[in-house]
Amino acid sequence: MSEPQETPTEHVKDALAPRVRAFLCGLSENALPISYQALAKNLQLSPPNTILQLTTALEDLIAEDAAAGHPLIAALVISKARGVLPAPGFFDSAMRSGRVYDDPAAFHATEFDLAVKFWCGRR
């Protein structure tokens, strides 16, 4: 009987999420926020689907942080196309993880401030 094969998504989740967390924790308060594209470049992610790789890892971090009762480190990452907000997947993952909100912009601003205080400068 053959061993189950690891899917690319599982590999990314297992390998990339800790790297993303370590990178974001090392940012100073003055370096934030960071765009998905800049984060992918800093982590030297290889195509194809670099942003998908990154969002998969960020969704995993959202679930971990919510389960631990921590601010969402993924709030530090934004979409340049959306101004100062993350992509819709951030909000979907937050809701799936039990974070309830009425106003996405206010929710993100609060999570961002809490995440900076809790996570930044921790290596």
PDB file of N, CA and C in Angstrom:
ATOM      1  N   MET A   1       0.846  -1.171   0.000  1.00  0.00           N
ATOM      2  CA  MET A   1       0.000   0.000   0.000  1.00  0.00           C
ATOM      3  C   MET A   1       0.893   1.236   0.000  1.00  0.00           C
ATOM      4  N   SER A   2       0.592   2.176  -0.877  1.00  0.00           N
ATOM      5  CA  SER A   2       1.450   3.353  -0.996  1.00  0.00           C
ATOM      6  C   SER A   2       1.081   4.413   0.043  1.00  0.00           C
ATOM      7  N   GLU A   3       2.081   5.241   0.370  1.00  0.00           N
ATOM      8  CA  GLU A   3       1.883   6.344   1.320  1.00  0.00           C
ATOM      9  C   GLU A   3       1.039   7.428   0.670  1.00  0.00           C
ATOM     10  N   PRO A   4       0.156   8.070   1.439  1.00  0.00           N
ATOM     11  CA  PRO A   4      -0.596   9.185   0.861  1.00  0.00           C
ATOM     12  C   PRO A   4       0.362  10.301   0.472  1.00  0.00           C
ATOM     13  N   GLN A   5       0.106  10.889  -0.675  1.00  0.00           N
ATOM     14  CA  GLN A   5       0.944  11.978  -1.161  1.00  0.00           C
ATOM     15  C   GLN A   5       0.512  13.286  -0.521  1.00  0.00           C
ATOM     16  N   GLU A   6       1.493  14.099  -0.160  1.00  0.00           N
ATOM     17  CA  GLU A   6       1.217  15.423   0.386  1.00  0.00           C
ATOM     18  C   GLU A   6       0.835  16.344  -0.770  1.00  0.00           C
ATOM     19  N   THR A   7      -0.246  17.083  -0.613  1.00  0.00           N
ATOM     20  CA  THR A   7      -0.649  18.006  -1.662  1.00  0.00           C
ATOM     21  C   THR A   7       0.206  19.261  -1.576  1.00  0.00           C
ATOM     22  N   PRO A   8       0.324  20.016  -2.689  1.00  0.00           N
ATOM     23  CA  PRO A   8       1.100  21.254  -2.645  1.00  0.00           C
ATOM     24  C   PRO A   8       0.579  22.219  -1.580  1.00  0.00           C
ATOM     25  N   THR A   9      -0.723  22.286  -1.389  1.00  0.00           N
ATOM     26  CA  THR A   9      -1.296  23.177  -0.389  1.00  0.00           C
ATOM     27  C   THR A   9      -0.864  22.768   1.011  1.00  0.00           C
ATOM     28  N   GLU A  10      -0.846  21.470   1.292  1.00  0.00           N
ATOM     29  CA  GLU A  10      -0.403  21.001   2.609  1.00  0.00           C
ATOM     30  C   GLU A  10       1.063  21.338   2.833  1.00  0.00           C
ATOM     31  N   HIS A  11       1.873  21.166   1.796  1.00  0.00           N
ATOM     32  CA  HIS A  11       3.289  21.485   1.921  1.00  0.00           C
ATOM     33  C   HIS A  11       3.481  22.973   2.207  1.00  0.00           C
ATOM     34  N   VAL A  12       2.772  23.825   1.474  1.00  0.00           N
ATOM     35  CA  VAL A  12       2.872  25.270   1.689  1.00  0.00           C
ATOM     36  C   VAL A  12       2.445  25.610   3.101  1.00  0.00           C
ATOM     37  N   LYS A  13       1.337  25.046   3.535  1.00  0.00           N
ATOM     38  CA  LYS A  13       0.813  25.328   4.873  1.00  0.00           C
ATOM     39  C   LYS A  13       1.836  24.954   5.940  1.00  0.00           C
ATOM     40  N   ASP A  14       2.426  23.790   5.792  1.00  0.00           N
ATOM     41  CA  ASP A  14       3.377  23.317   6.790  1.00  0.00           C
ATOM     42  C   ASP A  14       4.687  24.086   6.760  1.00  0.00           C
ATOM     43  N   ALA A  15       5.165  24.434   5.582  1.00  0.00           N
ATOM     44  CA  ALA A  15       6.481  25.050   5.454  1.00  0.00           C
ATOM     45  C   ALA A  15       6.440  26.569   5.478  1.00  0.00           C
ATOM     46  N   LEU A  16       5.437  27.164   4.901  1.00  0.00           N
ATOM     47  CA  LEU A  16       5.439  28.606   4.714  1.00  0.00           C
ATOM     48  C   LEU A  16       4.871  29.387   5.895  1.00  0.00           C
ATOM     49  N   ALA A  17       3.842  28.883   6.541  1.00  0.00           N
ATOM     50  CA  ALA A  17       3.212  29.643   7.634  1.00  0.00           C
ATOM     51  C   ALA A  17       4.208  30.054   8.718  1.00  0.00           C
ATOM     52  N   PRO A  18       5.077  29.165   9.188  1.00  0.00           N
ATOM     53  CA  PRO A  18       6.056  29.599  10.195  1.00  0.00           C
ATOM     54  C   PRO A  18       7.026  30.658   9.669  1.00  0.00           C
ATOM     55  N   ARG A  19       7.386  30.559   8.395  1.00  0.00           N
ATOM     56  CA  ARG A  19       8.266  31.584   7.799  1.00  0.00           C
ATOM     57  C   ARG A  19       7.570  32.927   7.734  1.00  0.00           C
ATOM     58  N   VAL A  20       6.284  32.915   7.363  1.00  0.00           N
ATOM     59  CA  VAL A  20       5.513  34.157   7.298  1.00  0.00           C
ATOM     60  C   VAL A  20       5.438  34.781   8.687  1.00  0.00           C
ATOM     61  N   ARG A  21       5.111  33.973   9.692  1.00  0.00           N
ATOM     62  CA  ARG A  21       5.002  34.494  11.054  1.00  0.00           C
ATOM     63  C   ARG A  21       6.342  35.084  11.512  1.00  0.00           C
ATOM     64  N   ALA A  22       7.433  34.376  11.271  1.00  0.00           N
ATOM     65  CA  ALA A  22       8.751  34.853  11.692  1.00  0.00           C
ATOM     66  C   ALA A  22       9.098  36.176  11.013  1.00  0.00           C
ATOM     67  N   PHE A  23       8.807  36.271   9.727  1.00  0.00           N
ATOM     68  CA  PHE A  23       9.103  37.508   9.008  1.00  0.00           C
ATOM     69  C   PHE A  23       8.283  38.663   9.566  1.00  0.00           C
ATOM     70  N   LEU A  24       6.984  38.447   9.738  1.00  0.00           N
ATOM     71  CA  LEU A  24       6.113  39.515  10.226  1.00  0.00           C
ATOM     72  C   LEU A  24       6.469  39.923  11.659  1.00  0.00           C
ATOM     73  N   CYS A  25       6.838  38.967  12.483  1.00  0.00           N
ATOM     74  CA  CYS A  25       7.238  39.289  13.854  1.00  0.00           C
ATOM     75  C   CYS A  25       8.500  40.137  13.879  1.00  0.00           C
ATOM     76  N   GLY A  26       9.332  39.998  12.885  1.00  0.00           N
ATOM     77  CA  GLY A  26      10.576  40.749  12.831  1.00  0.00           C
ATOM     78  C   GLY A  26      10.430  42.166  12.304  1.00  0.00           C
ATOM     79  N   LEU A  27       9.256  42.512  11.819  1.00  0.00           N
ATOM     80  CA  LEU A  27       9.047  43.862  11.299  1.00  0.00           C
ATOM     81  C   LEU A  27       8.937  44.860  12.441  1.00  0.00           C
ATOM     82  N   SER A  28       9.422  46.042  12.188  1.00  0.00           N
ATOM     83  CA  SER A  28       9.237  47.109  13.170  1.00  0.00           C
ATOM     84  C   SER A  28       7.884  47.769  12.922  1.00  0.00           C
ATOM     85  N   GLU A  29       7.402  48.474  13.919  1.00  0.00           N
ATOM     86  CA  GLU A  29       6.117  49.167  13.782  1.00  0.00           C
ATOM     87  C   GLU A  29       6.141  50.161  12.628  1.00  0.00           C
ATOM     88  N   ASN A  30       7.312  50.686  12.312  1.00  0.00           N
ATOM     89  CA  ASN A  30       7.436  51.687  11.248  1.00  0.00           C
ATOM     90  C   ASN A  30       7.397  51.075   9.858  1.00  0.00           C
ATOM     91  N   ALA A  31       7.588  49.778   9.739  1.00  0.00           N
ATOM     92  CA  ALA A  31       7.640  49.103   8.441  1.00  0.00           C
ATOM     93  C   ALA A  31       6.282  48.604   7.997  1.00  0.00           C
ATOM     94  N   LEU A  32       5.261  48.864   8.762  1.00  0.00           N
ATOM     95  CA  LEU A  32       3.956  48.273   8.490  1.00  0.00           C
ATOM     96  C   LEU A  32       2.983  49.261   7.910  1.00  0.00           C
ATOM     97  N   PRO A  33       1.975  48.829   7.213  1.00  0.00           N
ATOM     98  CA  PRO A  33       1.686  47.456   6.804  1.00  0.00           C
ATOM     99  C   PRO A  33       2.570  47.034   5.623  1.00  0.00           C
ATOM    100  N   ILE A  34       2.476  45.768   5.272  1.00  0.00           N
ATOM    101  CA  ILE A  34       3.221  45.239   4.129  1.00  0.00           C
ATOM    102  C   ILE A  34       2.218  44.625   3.157  1.00  0.00           C
ATOM    103  N   SER A  35       2.460  44.806   1.876  1.00  0.00           N
ATOM    104  CA  SER A  35       1.540  44.253   0.874  1.00  0.00           C
ATOM    105  C   SER A  35       1.821  42.770   0.657  1.00  0.00           C
ATOM    106  N   TYR A  36       0.820  42.071   0.130  1.00  0.00           N
ATOM    107  CA  TYR A  36       0.991  40.661  -0.202  1.00  0.00           C
ATOM    108  C   TYR A  36       2.185  40.492  -1.151  1.00  0.00           C
ATOM    109  N   GLN A  37       2.257  41.371  -2.149  1.00  0.00           N
ATOM    110  CA  GLN A  37       3.329  41.272  -3.138  1.00  0.00           C
ATOM    111  C   GLN A  37       4.701  41.495  -2.495  1.00  0.00           C
ATOM    112  N   ALA A  38       4.824  42.507  -1.632  1.00  0.00           N
ATOM    113  CA  ALA A  38       6.105  42.768  -0.980  1.00  0.00           C
ATOM    114  C   ALA A  38       6.494  41.615  -0.053  1.00  0.00           C
ATOM    115  N   LEU A  39       5.524  41.049   0.631  1.00  0.00           N
ATOM    116  CA  LEU A  39       5.802  39.917   1.519  1.00  0.00           C
ATOM    117  C   LEU A  39       6.282  38.711   0.708  1.00  0.00           C
ATOM    118  N   ALA A  40       5.609  38.431  -0.397  1.00  0.00           N
ATOM    119  CA  ALA A  40       6.014  37.318  -1.262  1.00  0.00           C
ATOM    120  C   ALA A  40       7.431  37.531  -1.779  1.00  0.00           C
ATOM    121  N   LYS A  41       7.749  38.761  -2.142  1.00  0.00           N
ATOM    122  CA  LYS A  41       9.098  39.066  -2.636  1.00  0.00           C
ATOM    123  C   LYS A  41      10.128  38.893  -1.520  1.00  0.00           C
ATOM    124  N   ASN A  42       9.844  39.405  -0.326  1.00  0.00           N
ATOM    125  CA  ASN A  42      10.771  39.278   0.797  1.00  0.00           C
ATOM    126  C   ASN A  42      11.010  37.832   1.193  1.00  0.00           C
ATOM    127  N   LEU A  43       9.990  36.999   1.054  1.00  0.00           N
ATOM    128  CA  LEU A  43      10.119  35.579   1.382  1.00  0.00           C
ATOM    129  C   LEU A  43      10.681  34.768   0.216  1.00  0.00           C
ATOM    130  N   GLN A  44      10.925  35.450  -0.902  1.00  0.00           N
ATOM    131  CA  GLN A  44      11.466  34.833  -2.111  1.00  0.00           C
ATOM    132  C   GLN A  44      10.638  33.632  -2.559  1.00  0.00           C
ATOM    133  N   LEU A  45       9.314  33.818  -2.582  1.00  0.00           N
ATOM    134  CA  LEU A  45       8.436  32.742  -3.045  1.00  0.00           C
ATOM    135  C   LEU A  45       8.587  32.574  -4.545  1.00  0.00           C
ATOM    136  N   SER A  46       8.526  31.343  -4.984  1.00  0.00           N
ATOM    137  CA  SER A  46       8.689  31.022  -6.396  1.00  0.00           C
ATOM    138  C   SER A  46       7.346  30.775  -7.049  1.00  0.00           C
ATOM    139  N   PRO A  47       7.186  31.277  -8.285  1.00  0.00           N
ATOM    140  CA  PRO A  47       5.969  30.975  -9.032  1.00  0.00           C
ATOM    141  C   PRO A  47       5.875  29.478  -9.268  1.00  0.00           C
ATOM    142  N   PRO A  48       4.735  28.957  -9.575  1.00  0.00           N
ATOM    143  CA  PRO A  48       3.502  29.700  -9.836  1.00  0.00           C
ATOM    144  C   PRO A  48       2.718  29.984  -8.558  1.00  0.00           C
ATOM    145  N   ASN A  49       1.762  30.850  -8.689  1.00  0.00           N
ATOM    146  CA  ASN A  49       0.777  31.117  -7.639  1.00  0.00           C
ATOM    147  C   ASN A  49       1.387  31.614  -6.330  1.00  0.00           C
ATOM    148  N   THR A  50       2.302  32.555  -6.400  1.00  0.00           N
ATOM    149  CA  THR A  50       2.952  33.031  -5.180  1.00  0.00           C
ATOM    150  C   THR A  50       1.971  33.659  -4.198  1.00  0.00           C
ATOM    151  N   ILE A  51       1.014  34.407  -4.714  1.00  0.00           N
ATOM    152  CA  ILE A  51       0.050  35.042  -3.812  1.00  0.00           C
ATOM    153  C   ILE A  51      -0.875  33.989  -3.213  1.00  0.00           C
ATOM    154  N   LEU A  52      -1.246  32.981  -3.972  1.00  0.00           N
ATOM    155  CA  LEU A  52      -2.048  31.883  -3.432  1.00  0.00           C
ATOM    156  C   LEU A  52      -1.281  31.141  -2.343  1.00  0.00           C
ATOM    157  N   GLN A  53       0.007  30.892  -2.557  1.00  0.00           N
ATOM    158  CA  GLN A  53       0.824  30.255  -1.528  1.00  0.00           C
ATOM    159  C   GLN A  53       0.782  31.083  -0.243  1.00  0.00           C
ATOM    160  N   LEU A  54       0.935  32.388  -0.407  1.00  0.00           N
ATOM    161  CA  LEU A  54       0.970  33.287   0.733  1.00  0.00           C
ATOM    162  C   LEU A  54      -0.375  33.356   1.439  1.00  0.00           C
ATOM    163  N   THR A  55      -1.457  33.470   0.689  1.00  0.00           N
ATOM    164  CA  THR A  55      -2.769  33.564   1.330  1.00  0.00           C
ATOM    165  C   THR A  55      -3.141  32.270   2.039  1.00  0.00           C
ATOM    166  N   THR A  56      -2.703  31.140   1.500  1.00  0.00           N
ATOM    167  CA  THR A  56      -2.939  29.861   2.175  1.00  0.00           C
ATOM    168  C   THR A  56      -2.247  29.857   3.537  1.00  0.00           C
ATOM    169  N   ALA A  57      -1.009  30.315   3.572  1.00  0.00           N
ATOM    170  CA  ALA A  57      -0.265  30.380   4.836  1.00  0.00           C
ATOM    171  C   ALA A  57      -0.907  31.376   5.796  1.00  0.00           C
ATOM    172  N   LEU A  58      -1.345  32.519   5.295  1.00  0.00           N
ATOM    173  CA  LEU A  58      -1.975  33.531   6.152  1.00  0.00           C
ATOM    174  C   LEU A  58      -3.288  33.025   6.737  1.00  0.00           C
ATOM    175  N   GLU A  59      -4.054  32.287   5.951  1.00  0.00           N
ATOM    176  CA  GLU A  59      -5.300  31.718   6.474  1.00  0.00           C
ATOM    177  C   GLU A  59      -5.017  30.723   7.587  1.00  0.00           C
ATOM    178  N   ASP A  60      -3.951  29.950   7.453  1.00  0.00           N
ATOM    179  CA  ASP A  60      -3.550  29.033   8.509  1.00  0.00           C
ATOM    180  C   ASP A  60      -3.174  29.815   9.776  1.00  0.00           C
ATOM    181  N   LEU A  61      -2.460  30.910   9.608  1.00  0.00           N
ATOM    182  CA  LEU A  61      -2.069  31.737  10.756  1.00  0.00           C
ATOM    183  C   LEU A  61      -3.286  32.375  11.426  1.00  0.00           C
ATOM    184  N   ILE A  62      -4.266  32.749  10.643  1.00  0.00           N
ATOM    185  CA  ILE A  62      -5.500  33.308  11.215  1.00  0.00           C
ATOM    186  C   ILE A  62      -6.161  32.271  12.113  1.00  0.00           C
ATOM    187  N   ALA A  63      -6.271  31.047  11.626  1.00  0.00           N
ATOM    188  CA  ALA A  63      -6.891  29.984  12.424  1.00  0.00           C
ATOM    189  C   ALA A  63      -6.097  29.737  13.710  1.00  0.00           C
ATOM    190  N   GLU A  64      -4.762  29.692  13.609  1.00  0.00           N
ATOM    191  CA  GLU A  64      -3.917  29.484  14.796  1.00  0.00           C
ATOM    192  C   GLU A  64      -4.090  30.616  15.807  1.00  0.00           C
ATOM    193  N   ASP A  65      -4.026  31.855  15.312  1.00  0.00           N
ATOM    194  CA  ASP A  65      -4.119  33.007  16.212  1.00  0.00           C
ATOM    195  C   ASP A  65      -5.484  33.088  16.884  1.00  0.00           C
ATOM    196  N   ALA A  66      -6.533  32.855  16.116  1.00  0.00           N
ATOM    197  CA  ALA A  66      -7.879  32.919  16.683  1.00  0.00           C
ATOM    198  C   ALA A  66      -8.054  31.829  17.748  1.00  0.00           C
ATOM    199  N   ALA A  67      -7.555  30.632  17.460  1.00  0.00           N
ATOM    200  CA  ALA A  67      -7.679  29.531  18.424  1.00  0.00           C
ATOM    201  C   ALA A  67      -6.920  29.832  19.718  1.00  0.00           C
ATOM    202  N   ALA A  68      -5.817  30.563  19.604  1.00  0.00           N
ATOM    203  CA  ALA A  68      -5.008  30.901  20.781  1.00  0.00           C
ATOM    204  C   ALA A  68      -5.471  32.179  21.471  1.00  0.00           C
ATOM    205  N   GLY A  69      -6.445  32.869  20.871  1.00  0.00           N
ATOM    206  CA  GLY A  69      -6.924  34.120  21.449  1.00  0.00           C
ATOM    207  C   GLY A  69      -5.979  35.296  21.226  1.00  0.00           C
ATOM    208  N   HIS A  70      -5.116  35.178  20.212  1.00  0.00           N
ATOM    209  CA  HIS A  70      -4.156  36.239  19.904  1.00  0.00           C
ATOM    210  C   HIS A  70      -4.692  37.159  18.810  1.00  0.00           C
ATOM    211  N   PRO A  71      -4.147  38.375  18.730  1.00  0.00           N
ATOM    212  CA  PRO A  71      -4.475  39.214  17.571  1.00  0.00           C
ATOM    213  C   PRO A  71      -4.027  38.509  16.290  1.00  0.00           C
ATOM    214  N   LEU A  72      -4.698  38.802  15.207  1.00  0.00           N
ATOM    215  CA  LEU A  72      -4.419  38.138  13.938  1.00  0.00           C
ATOM    216  C   LEU A  72      -3.208  38.765  13.261  1.00  0.00           C
ATOM    217  N   ILE A  73      -2.107  38.036  13.229  1.00  0.00           N
ATOM    218  CA  ILE A  73      -0.886  38.549  12.605  1.00  0.00           C
ATOM    219  C   ILE A  73      -1.110  38.852  11.129  1.00  0.00           C
ATOM    220  N   ALA A  74      -2.039  38.169  10.506  1.00  0.00           N
ATOM    221  CA  ALA A  74      -2.335  38.396   9.089  1.00  0.00           C
ATOM    222  C   ALA A  74      -2.885  39.794   8.828  1.00  0.00           C
ATOM    223  N   ALA A  75      -3.331  40.487   9.854  1.00  0.00           N
ATOM    224  CA  ALA A  75      -3.823  41.859   9.686  1.00  0.00           C
ATOM    225  C   ALA A  75      -2.713  42.814   9.276  1.00  0.00           C
ATOM    226  N   LEU A  76      -1.463  42.397   9.425  1.00  0.00           N
ATOM    227  CA  LEU A  76      -0.327  43.232   9.053  1.00  0.00           C
ATOM    228  C   LEU A  76      -0.107  43.268   7.546  1.00  0.00           C
ATOM    229  N   VAL A  77      -0.796  42.389   6.809  1.00  0.00           N
ATOM    230  CA  VAL A  77      -0.613  42.263   5.366  1.00  0.00           C
ATOM    231  C   VAL A  77      -1.840  42.820   4.658  1.00  0.00           C
ATOM    232  N   ILE A  78      -1.587  43.708   3.692  1.00  0.00           N
ATOM    233  CA  ILE A  78      -2.691  44.368   2.986  1.00  0.00           C
ATOM    234  C   ILE A  78      -2.584  44.156   1.481  1.00  0.00           C
ATOM    235  N   SER A  79      -3.678  44.467   0.818  1.00  0.00           N
ATOM    236  CA  SER A  79      -3.734  44.420  -0.634  1.00  0.00           C
ATOM    237  C   SER A  79      -3.576  45.846  -1.161  1.00  0.00           C
ATOM    238  N   LYS A  80      -2.584  46.083  -1.999  1.00  0.00           N
ATOM    239  CA  LYS A  80      -2.412  47.423  -2.577  1.00  0.00           C
ATOM    240  C   LYS A  80      -3.656  47.831  -3.363  1.00  0.00           C
ATOM    241  N   ALA A  81      -4.316  46.873  -3.970  1.00  0.00           N
ATOM    242  CA  ALA A  81      -5.509  47.166  -4.764  1.00  0.00           C
ATOM    243  C   ALA A  81      -6.671  47.634  -3.889  1.00  0.00           C
ATOM    244  N   ARG A  82      -6.658  47.277  -2.607  1.00  0.00           N
ATOM    245  CA  ARG A  82      -7.751  47.639  -1.702  1.00  0.00           C
ATOM    246  C   ARG A  82      -7.362  48.775  -0.754  1.00  0.00           C
ATOM    247  N   GLY A  83      -6.269  49.447  -1.046  1.00  0.00           N
ATOM    248  CA  GLY A  83      -5.852  50.556  -0.192  1.00  0.00           C
ATOM    249  C   GLY A  83      -5.143  50.051   1.044  1.00  0.00           C
ATOM    250  N   VAL A  84      -5.771  50.221   2.190  1.00  0.00           N
ATOM    251  CA  VAL A  84      -5.139  49.806   3.456  1.00  0.00           C
ATOM    252  C   VAL A  84      -5.784  48.557   4.039  1.00  0.00           C
ATOM    253  N   LEU A  85      -6.576  47.865   3.259  1.00  0.00           N
ATOM    254  CA  LEU A  85      -7.271  46.669   3.748  1.00  0.00           C
ATOM    255  C   LEU A  85      -6.671  45.398   3.159  1.00  0.00           C
ATOM    256  N   PRO A  86      -6.788  44.302   3.887  1.00  0.00           N
ATOM    257  CA  PRO A  86      -6.408  43.006   3.313  1.00  0.00           C
ATOM    258  C   PRO A  86      -7.425  42.570   2.260  1.00  0.00           C
ATOM    259  N   ALA A  87      -7.089  41.520   1.561  1.00  0.00           N
ATOM    260  CA  ALA A  87      -8.009  40.942   0.579  1.00  0.00           C
ATOM    261  C   ALA A  87      -9.206  40.320   1.299  1.00  0.00           C
ATOM    262  N   PRO A  88     -10.301  40.098   0.572  1.00  0.00           N
ATOM    263  CA  PRO A  88     -11.504  39.529   1.186  1.00  0.00           C
ATOM    264  C   PRO A  88     -11.278  38.214   1.927  1.00  0.00           C
ATOM    265  N   GLY A  89     -10.314  37.417   1.497  1.00  0.00           N
ATOM    266  CA  GLY A  89     -10.037  36.153   2.170  1.00  0.00           C
ATOM    267  C   GLY A  89      -9.663  36.319   3.632  1.00  0.00           C
ATOM    268  N   PHE A  90      -9.023  37.434   3.969  1.00  0.00           N
ATOM    269  CA  PHE A  90      -8.690  37.722   5.365  1.00  0.00           C
ATOM    270  C   PHE A  90      -9.969  37.776   6.205  1.00  0.00           C
ATOM    271  N   PHE A  91     -10.941  38.502   5.715  1.00  0.00           N
ATOM    272  CA  PHE A  91     -12.196  38.670   6.451  1.00  0.00           C
ATOM    273  C   PHE A  91     -12.988  37.362   6.502  1.00  0.00           C
ATOM    274  N   ASP A  92     -12.995  36.624   5.399  1.00  0.00           N
ATOM    275  CA  ASP A  92     -13.678  35.320   5.384  1.00  0.00           C
ATOM    276  C   ASP A  92     -13.049  34.371   6.398  1.00  0.00           C
ATOM    277  N   SER A  93     -11.720  34.314   6.421  1.00  0.00           N
ATOM    278  CA  SER A  93     -11.019  33.430   7.363  1.00  0.00           C
ATOM    279  C   SER A  93     -11.247  33.860   8.798  1.00  0.00           C
ATOM    280  N   ALA A  94     -11.252  35.153   9.032  1.00  0.00           N
ATOM    281  CA  ALA A  94     -11.491  35.661  10.386  1.00  0.00           C
ATOM    282  C   ALA A  94     -12.879  35.238  10.866  1.00  0.00           C
ATOM    283  N   MET A  95     -13.870  35.366  10.012  1.00  0.00           N
ATOM    284  CA  MET A  95     -15.235  34.960  10.385  1.00  0.00           C
ATOM    285  C   MET A  95     -15.303  33.456  10.642  1.00  0.00           C
ATOM    286  N   ARG A  96     -14.677  32.651   9.768  1.00  0.00           N
ATOM    287  CA  ARG A  96     -14.668  31.199   9.959  1.00  0.00           C
ATOM    288  C   ARG A  96     -13.977  30.820  11.262  1.00  0.00           C
ATOM    289  N   SER A  97     -13.057  31.652  11.710  1.00  0.00           N
ATOM    290  CA  SER A  97     -12.308  31.385  12.944  1.00  0.00           C
ATOM    291  C   SER A  97     -12.977  31.965  14.179  1.00  0.00           C
ATOM    292  N   GLY A  98     -14.165  32.520  13.998  1.00  0.00           N
ATOM    293  CA  GLY A  98     -14.926  33.003  15.148  1.00  0.00           C
ATOM    294  C   GLY A  98     -14.792  34.473  15.467  1.00  0.00           C
ATOM    295  N   ARG A  99     -14.083  35.217  14.638  1.00  0.00           N
ATOM    296  CA  ARG A  99     -13.978  36.659  14.854  1.00  0.00           C
ATOM    297  C   ARG A  99     -15.172  37.320  14.167  1.00  0.00           C
ATOM    298  N   VAL A 100     -16.030  37.909  14.951  1.00  0.00           N
ATOM    299  CA  VAL A 100     -17.263  38.504  14.435  1.00  0.00           C
ATOM    300  C   VAL A 100     -17.102  40.021  14.400  1.00  0.00           C
ATOM    301  N   TYR A 101     -17.604  40.631  13.347  1.00  0.00           N
ATOM    302  CA  TYR A 101     -17.499  42.084  13.197  1.00  0.00           C
ATOM    303  C   TYR A 101     -18.630  42.586  12.316  1.00  0.00           C
ATOM    304  N   ASP A 102     -18.923  43.875  12.455  1.00  0.00           N
ATOM    305  CA  ASP A 102     -19.932  44.517  11.607  1.00  0.00           C
ATOM    306  C   ASP A 102     -19.281  45.329  10.493  1.00  0.00           C
ATOM    307  N   ASP A 103     -18.224  46.032  10.838  1.00  0.00           N
ATOM    308  CA  ASP A 103     -17.564  46.943   9.910  1.00  0.00           C
ATOM    309  C   ASP A 103     -16.164  46.410   9.587  1.00  0.00           C
ATOM    310  N   PRO A 104     -15.956  45.905   8.359  1.00  0.00           N
ATOM    311  CA  PRO A 104     -14.654  45.329   8.029  1.00  0.00           C
ATOM    312  C   PRO A 104     -13.479  46.289   8.242  1.00  0.00           C
ATOM    313  N   ALA A 105     -13.633  47.542   7.854  1.00  0.00           N
ATOM    314  CA  ALA A 105     -12.523  48.496   7.992  1.00  0.00           C
ATOM    315  C   ALA A 105     -12.186  48.727   9.468  1.00  0.00           C
ATOM    316  N   ALA A 106     -13.199  48.881  10.298  1.00  0.00           N
ATOM    317  CA  ALA A 106     -12.964  49.082  11.736  1.00  0.00           C
ATOM    318  C   ALA A 106     -12.371  47.820  12.362  1.00  0.00           C
ATOM    319  N   PHE A 107     -12.871  46.663  11.961  1.00  0.00           N
ATOM    320  CA  PHE A 107     -12.331  45.397  12.470  1.00  0.00           C
ATOM    321  C   PHE A 107     -10.852  45.283  12.115  1.00  0.00           C
ATOM    322  N   HIS A 108     -10.518  45.554  10.857  1.00  0.00           N
ATOM    323  CA  HIS A 108      -9.125  45.455  10.440  1.00  0.00           C
ATOM    324  C   HIS A 108      -8.257  46.461  11.195  1.00  0.00           C
ATOM    325  N   ALA A 109      -8.720  47.690  11.343  1.00  0.00           N
ATOM    326  CA  ALA A 109      -7.931  48.701  12.056  1.00  0.00           C
ATOM    327  C   ALA A 109      -7.631  48.257  13.485  1.00  0.00           C
ATOM    328  N   THR A 110      -8.622  47.685  14.144  1.00  0.00           N
ATOM    329  CA  THR A 110      -8.430  47.202  15.516  1.00  0.00           C
ATOM    330  C   THR A 110      -7.458  46.027  15.537  1.00  0.00           C
ATOM    331  N   GLU A 111      -7.664  45.045  14.663  1.00  0.00           N
ATOM    332  CA  GLU A 111      -6.775  43.882  14.611  1.00  0.00           C
ATOM    333  C   GLU A 111      -5.352  44.304  14.252  1.00  0.00           C
ATOM    334  N   PHE A 112      -5.226  45.256  13.340  1.00  0.00           N
ATOM    335  CA  PHE A 112      -3.915  45.732  12.939  1.00  0.00           C
ATOM    336  C   PHE A 112      -3.174  46.325  14.141  1.00  0.00           C
ATOM    337  N   ASP A 113      -3.838  47.224  14.863  1.00  0.00           N
ATOM    338  CA  ASP A 113      -3.209  47.859  16.034  1.00  0.00           C
ATOM    339  C   ASP A 113      -2.831  46.822  17.091  1.00  0.00           C
ATOM    340  N   LEU A 114      -3.726  45.893  17.358  1.00  0.00           N
ATOM    341  CA  LEU A 114      -3.434  44.848  18.342  1.00  0.00           C
ATOM    342  C   LEU A 114      -2.285  43.947  17.880  1.00  0.00           C
ATOM    343  N   ALA A 115      -2.279  43.617  16.587  1.00  0.00           N
ATOM    344  CA  ALA A 115      -1.229  42.749  16.043  1.00  0.00           C
ATOM    345  C   ALA A 115       0.136  43.429  16.118  1.00  0.00           C
ATOM    346  N   VAL A 116       0.195  44.717  15.811  1.00  0.00           N
ATOM    347  CA  VAL A 116       1.468  45.443  15.894  1.00  0.00           C
ATOM    348  C   VAL A 116       2.000  45.371  17.318  1.00  0.00           C
ATOM    349  N   LYS A 117       1.151  45.662  18.274  1.00  0.00           N
ATOM    350  CA  LYS A 117       1.576  45.659  19.680  1.00  0.00           C
ATOM    351  C   LYS A 117       1.991  44.273  20.161  1.00  0.00           C
ATOM    352  N   PHE A 118       1.247  43.261  19.731  1.00  0.00           N
ATOM    353  CA  PHE A 118       1.482  41.895  20.221  1.00  0.00           C
ATOM    354  C   PHE A 118       2.635  41.202  19.500  1.00  0.00           C
ATOM    355  N   TRP A 119       2.685  41.341  18.159  1.00  0.00           N
ATOM    356  CA  TRP A 119       3.590  40.514  17.366  1.00  0.00           C
ATOM    357  C   TRP A 119       4.891  41.202  16.948  1.00  0.00           C
ATOM    358  N   CYS A 120       4.882  42.482  16.665  1.00  0.00           N
ATOM    359  CA  CYS A 120       6.057  43.125  16.067  1.00  0.00           C
ATOM    360  C   CYS A 120       7.219  43.216  17.038  1.00  0.00           C
ATOM    361  N   GLY A 121       8.395  42.961  16.494  1.00  0.00           N
ATOM    362  CA  GLY A 121       9.597  42.985  17.312  1.00  0.00           C
ATOM    363  C   GLY A 121       9.864  41.690  18.047  1.00  0.00           C
ATOM    364  N   ARG A 122       9.046  40.652  17.813  1.00  0.00           N
ATOM    365  CA  ARG A 122       9.245  39.338  18.450  1.00  0.00           C
ATOM    366  C   ARG A 122       9.946  38.431  17.462  1.00  0.00           C
ATOM    367  N   ARG A 123      11.066  37.960  17.786  1.00  0.00           N
ATOM    368  CA  ARG A 123      11.744  36.993  16.906  1.00  0.00           C
ATOM    369  C   ARG A 123      12.005  35.747  17.677  1.00  0.00           C
TER     370      ARG A 123
END
